[in-house]
Amino acid sequence: MTVDVHLLTPGCVVLIAAFDDSPEHQFQVEEVYEDLVTGTVLTGPLAGEYGEPEIELITAVIPQETTTDS
């Protein structure tokens, strides 16, 4: 499932679906491109790491007041 790309803006927080060995996690978007976003992982074992997930992996845009530190 993907979200409306118009909701993807620098600074927004999104939920990335689990893939390979990476569990579902929150991600803060820095830049939005046609097929991917760049930014930083906020939760999970890769927290703090830079990433470039494909837009198809984004399952939701999370309102800022509901993000967690888990």
N, C-alpha and C. Protein backbone atom coordinates (compact mmCIF):
# COMPACT_ATOMS: atom_id res chain seq x y z
N MET A 1 0.85 -1.17 0.00
CA MET A 1 0.00 0.00 0.00
C MET A 1 0.90 1.24 0.00
N THR A 2 0.54 2.22 -0.78
CA THR A 2 1.29 3.47 -0.81
C THR A 2 0.38 4.63 -0.42
N VAL A 3 0.98 5.74 -0.09
CA VAL A 3 0.23 6.93 0.29
C VAL A 3 0.22 7.92 -0.86
N ASP A 4 -0.61 8.93 -0.75
CA ASP A 4 -0.67 10.02 -1.73
C ASP A 4 0.65 10.77 -1.67
N VAL A 5 1.39 10.79 -2.78
CA VAL A 5 2.70 11.44 -2.80
C VAL A 5 2.62 12.93 -2.49
N HIS A 6 1.46 13.53 -2.63
CA HIS A 6 1.31 14.94 -2.30
C HIS A 6 1.42 15.19 -0.79
N LEU A 7 1.26 14.15 0.01
CA LEU A 7 1.39 14.27 1.46
C LEU A 7 2.85 14.20 1.91
N LEU A 8 3.73 13.79 1.02
CA LEU A 8 5.14 13.62 1.36
C LEU A 8 5.88 14.95 1.18
N THR A 9 6.34 15.49 2.30
CA THR A 9 7.06 16.77 2.28
C THR A 9 8.29 16.66 3.18
N PRO A 10 9.32 17.44 2.91
CA PRO A 10 10.48 17.42 3.80
C PRO A 10 10.07 17.70 5.23
N GLY A 11 10.57 16.89 6.16
CA GLY A 11 10.25 17.05 7.57
C GLY A 11 9.14 16.16 8.06
N CYS A 12 8.33 15.62 7.15
CA CYS A 12 7.24 14.76 7.60
C CYS A 12 7.78 13.41 8.08
N VAL A 13 7.01 12.74 8.91
CA VAL A 13 7.36 11.43 9.44
C VAL A 13 6.42 10.42 8.80
N VAL A 14 7.01 9.35 8.29
CA VAL A 14 6.23 8.31 7.62
C VAL A 14 6.50 6.95 8.25
N LEU A 15 5.62 6.00 7.98
CA LEU A 15 5.79 4.63 8.44
C LEU A 15 6.26 3.80 7.24
N ILE A 16 7.39 3.14 7.41
CA ILE A 16 7.96 2.30 6.36
C ILE A 16 7.63 0.85 6.67
N ALA A 17 7.09 0.13 5.69
CA ALA A 17 6.75 -1.29 5.85
C ALA A 17 8.00 -2.12 6.09
N ALA A 18 7.83 -3.24 6.76
CA ALA A 18 8.94 -4.17 6.97
C ALA A 18 9.41 -4.70 5.62
N PHE A 19 10.72 -4.89 5.49
CA PHE A 19 11.28 -5.48 4.27
C PHE A 19 12.60 -6.14 4.63
N ASP A 20 12.99 -7.17 3.88
CA ASP A 20 14.21 -7.92 4.15
C ASP A 20 14.34 -8.21 5.65
N ASP A 21 15.41 -7.76 6.29
CA ASP A 21 15.61 -7.97 7.72
C ASP A 21 15.23 -6.74 8.55
N SER A 22 14.61 -5.76 7.94
CA SER A 22 14.26 -4.52 8.63
C SER A 22 12.78 -4.54 9.03
N PRO A 23 12.47 -4.35 10.33
CA PRO A 23 11.07 -4.31 10.75
C PRO A 23 10.41 -2.99 10.36
N GLU A 24 9.09 -2.94 10.46
CA GLU A 24 8.36 -1.69 10.23
C GLU A 24 8.95 -0.62 11.14
N HIS A 25 9.10 0.61 10.62
CA HIS A 25 9.72 1.67 11.41
C HIS A 25 9.28 3.05 10.93
N GLN A 26 9.49 4.04 11.81
CA GLN A 26 9.20 5.43 11.47
C GLN A 26 10.44 6.05 10.85
N PHE A 27 10.21 6.98 9.92
CA PHE A 27 11.28 7.55 9.11
C PHE A 27 10.97 9.03 8.90
N GLN A 28 11.94 9.90 9.12
CA GLN A 28 11.75 11.33 8.86
C GLN A 28 12.31 11.68 7.49
N VAL A 29 11.46 12.24 6.66
CA VAL A 29 11.80 12.55 5.27
C VAL A 29 12.61 13.84 5.19
N GLU A 30 13.71 13.79 4.44
CA GLU A 30 14.51 14.99 4.15
C GLU A 30 14.21 15.51 2.75
N GLU A 31 14.20 14.61 1.76
CA GLU A 31 13.92 15.00 0.38
C GLU A 31 12.99 13.99 -0.26
N VAL A 32 12.16 14.47 -1.18
CA VAL A 32 11.20 13.62 -1.89
C VAL A 32 11.57 13.61 -3.37
N TYR A 33 11.73 12.42 -3.93
CA TYR A 33 12.02 12.25 -5.35
C TYR A 33 10.86 11.48 -5.99
N GLU A 34 10.93 11.28 -7.28
CA GLU A 34 9.85 10.61 -8.00
C GLU A 34 9.56 9.20 -7.48
N ASP A 35 10.61 8.44 -7.15
CA ASP A 35 10.40 7.05 -6.75
C ASP A 35 10.92 6.70 -5.37
N LEU A 36 11.53 7.67 -4.65
CA LEU A 36 12.04 7.38 -3.31
C LEU A 36 12.09 8.65 -2.49
N VAL A 37 12.32 8.45 -1.19
CA VAL A 37 12.55 9.57 -0.28
C VAL A 37 13.90 9.35 0.40
N THR A 38 14.50 10.40 0.89
CA THR A 38 15.72 10.26 1.66
C THR A 38 15.44 10.78 3.06
N GLY A 39 16.23 10.33 4.03
CA GLY A 39 16.04 10.82 5.39
C GLY A 39 16.67 9.91 6.42
N THR A 40 16.10 9.97 7.64
CA THR A 40 16.68 9.30 8.78
C THR A 40 15.66 8.38 9.45
N VAL A 41 16.11 7.18 9.80
CA VAL A 41 15.28 6.23 10.53
C VAL A 41 15.12 6.73 11.96
N LEU A 42 13.86 6.76 12.46
CA LEU A 42 13.60 7.26 13.80
C LEU A 42 13.42 6.17 14.84
N THR A 43 12.93 5.00 14.44
CA THR A 43 12.65 3.94 15.40
C THR A 43 13.21 2.61 14.91
N GLY A 44 13.32 1.67 15.85
CA GLY A 44 13.80 0.34 15.50
C GLY A 44 15.30 0.22 15.56
N PRO A 45 15.81 -0.95 15.15
CA PRO A 45 17.24 -1.22 15.28
C PRO A 45 18.14 -0.34 14.42
N LEU A 46 17.58 0.28 13.40
CA LEU A 46 18.39 1.15 12.53
C LEU A 46 18.21 2.64 12.86
N ALA A 47 17.62 2.95 14.01
CA ALA A 47 17.39 4.35 14.40
C ALA A 47 18.67 5.16 14.28
N GLY A 48 18.54 6.33 13.66
CA GLY A 48 19.68 7.22 13.47
C GLY A 48 20.39 7.04 12.14
N GLU A 49 20.08 5.96 11.44
CA GLU A 49 20.73 5.68 10.16
C GLU A 49 20.06 6.45 9.02
N TYR A 50 20.86 6.83 8.03
CA TYR A 50 20.37 7.45 6.80
C TYR A 50 19.76 6.38 5.92
N GLY A 51 18.71 6.72 5.17
CA GLY A 51 18.12 5.75 4.27
C GLY A 51 17.50 6.39 3.04
N GLU A 52 17.21 5.56 2.05
CA GLU A 52 16.58 5.99 0.81
C GLU A 52 15.49 4.98 0.41
N PRO A 53 14.42 4.86 1.22
CA PRO A 53 13.38 3.88 0.90
C PRO A 53 12.55 4.30 -0.31
N GLU A 54 12.10 3.29 -1.06
CA GLU A 54 11.22 3.54 -2.19
C GLU A 54 9.86 3.99 -1.68
N ILE A 55 9.19 4.83 -2.43
CA ILE A 55 7.89 5.36 -2.04
C ILE A 55 6.87 4.23 -1.82
N GLU A 56 7.00 3.13 -2.55
CA GLU A 56 6.05 2.01 -2.39
C GLU A 56 6.10 1.41 -1.00
N LEU A 57 7.20 1.60 -0.25
CA LEU A 57 7.32 1.05 1.10
C LEU A 57 6.63 1.91 2.15
N ILE A 58 6.22 3.12 1.80
CA ILE A 58 5.57 4.02 2.75
C ILE A 58 4.11 3.62 2.89
N THR A 59 3.71 3.30 4.13
CA THR A 59 2.33 2.86 4.37
C THR A 59 1.46 3.95 4.98
N ALA A 60 2.07 4.97 5.59
CA ALA A 60 1.29 6.04 6.21
C ALA A 60 2.17 7.25 6.47
N VAL A 61 1.52 8.42 6.49
CA VAL A 61 2.17 9.65 6.96
C VAL A 61 1.67 9.84 8.38
N ILE A 62 2.59 9.99 9.33
CA ILE A 62 2.24 10.04 10.75
C ILE A 62 2.23 11.50 11.23
N PRO A 63 1.12 11.93 11.81
CA PRO A 63 1.11 13.29 12.38
C PRO A 63 2.20 13.41 13.44
N GLN A 64 2.90 14.53 13.49
CA GLN A 64 4.04 14.73 14.37
C GLN A 64 3.75 14.39 15.83
N GLU A 65 2.59 14.72 16.33
CA GLU A 65 2.31 14.50 17.75
C GLU A 65 2.11 13.03 18.12
N THR A 66 2.12 12.09 17.14
CA THR A 66 1.92 10.68 17.45
C THR A 66 3.19 9.85 17.27
N THR A 67 4.32 10.45 16.98
CA THR A 67 5.56 9.67 16.81
C THR A 67 6.02 9.15 18.16
N THR A 68 6.74 8.01 18.13
CA THR A 68 7.23 7.39 19.36
C THR A 68 8.71 7.18 19.30
N ASP A 69 9.31 6.89 20.42
CA ASP A 69 10.75 6.62 20.49
C ASP A 69 11.05 5.14 20.61
N SER A 70 10.12 4.27 20.24
CA SER A 70 10.33 2.83 20.39
C SER A 70 11.22 2.26 19.33
